[in-house]
């Protein structure tokens, strides 16, 4: 079995600033992502961390700001790659596709934030580029969003709608525990 690559998208401290003013879903997302990362590291499988370098002057994700730093668990270790992006897709303006191709075009397992922005865009684009994408939906999160008419769409609904739109068309959707169980069985056989 060719080992899948774990693509961790935008687990950065800047989300704490957003969480201070907007309700988010999936409070356990980071713990599940940390479990995935630990599993991948124990297996010696490839990990790619994606970081968002915002170009917006007031963004907490701007390079040089504390919000641009990775969350503690998502700090890369030796042998793990970091891809820096300035737009929603981790494929635009980066060498992500080249890195994946150099690994032999493995299955790509995605977890990150936010579900409806950078995660969804990266999954869609990866699938369009021919990569087999797996979304670990319970290791992703998002925030309440305001519709043009002022209606607030709860984060749980935003997340669920985005996961549903990716499921089957752009990615296989699973949970962290389910995926780790499945991969453990595949490596044992």
Foldseek 3Di string as FASTA:
>chain_A
DQDAEEEEEAQFQLVVVVVVPFPKDLPCLQVLVLVLVVLCVVVVHAYEYEFEQEPDPPGCCHPPHRRRHHDPSPDDDPPYHYWYDHALASPPPTCVVVVCVVSVLHAYEYAYPALQTNVLVNLQVCVVVPHAYEYALSNHMYTWDADPVRDTRGRVRSSVVSVVVCDPPRYPYDHSVVVSVVVVVVVVD
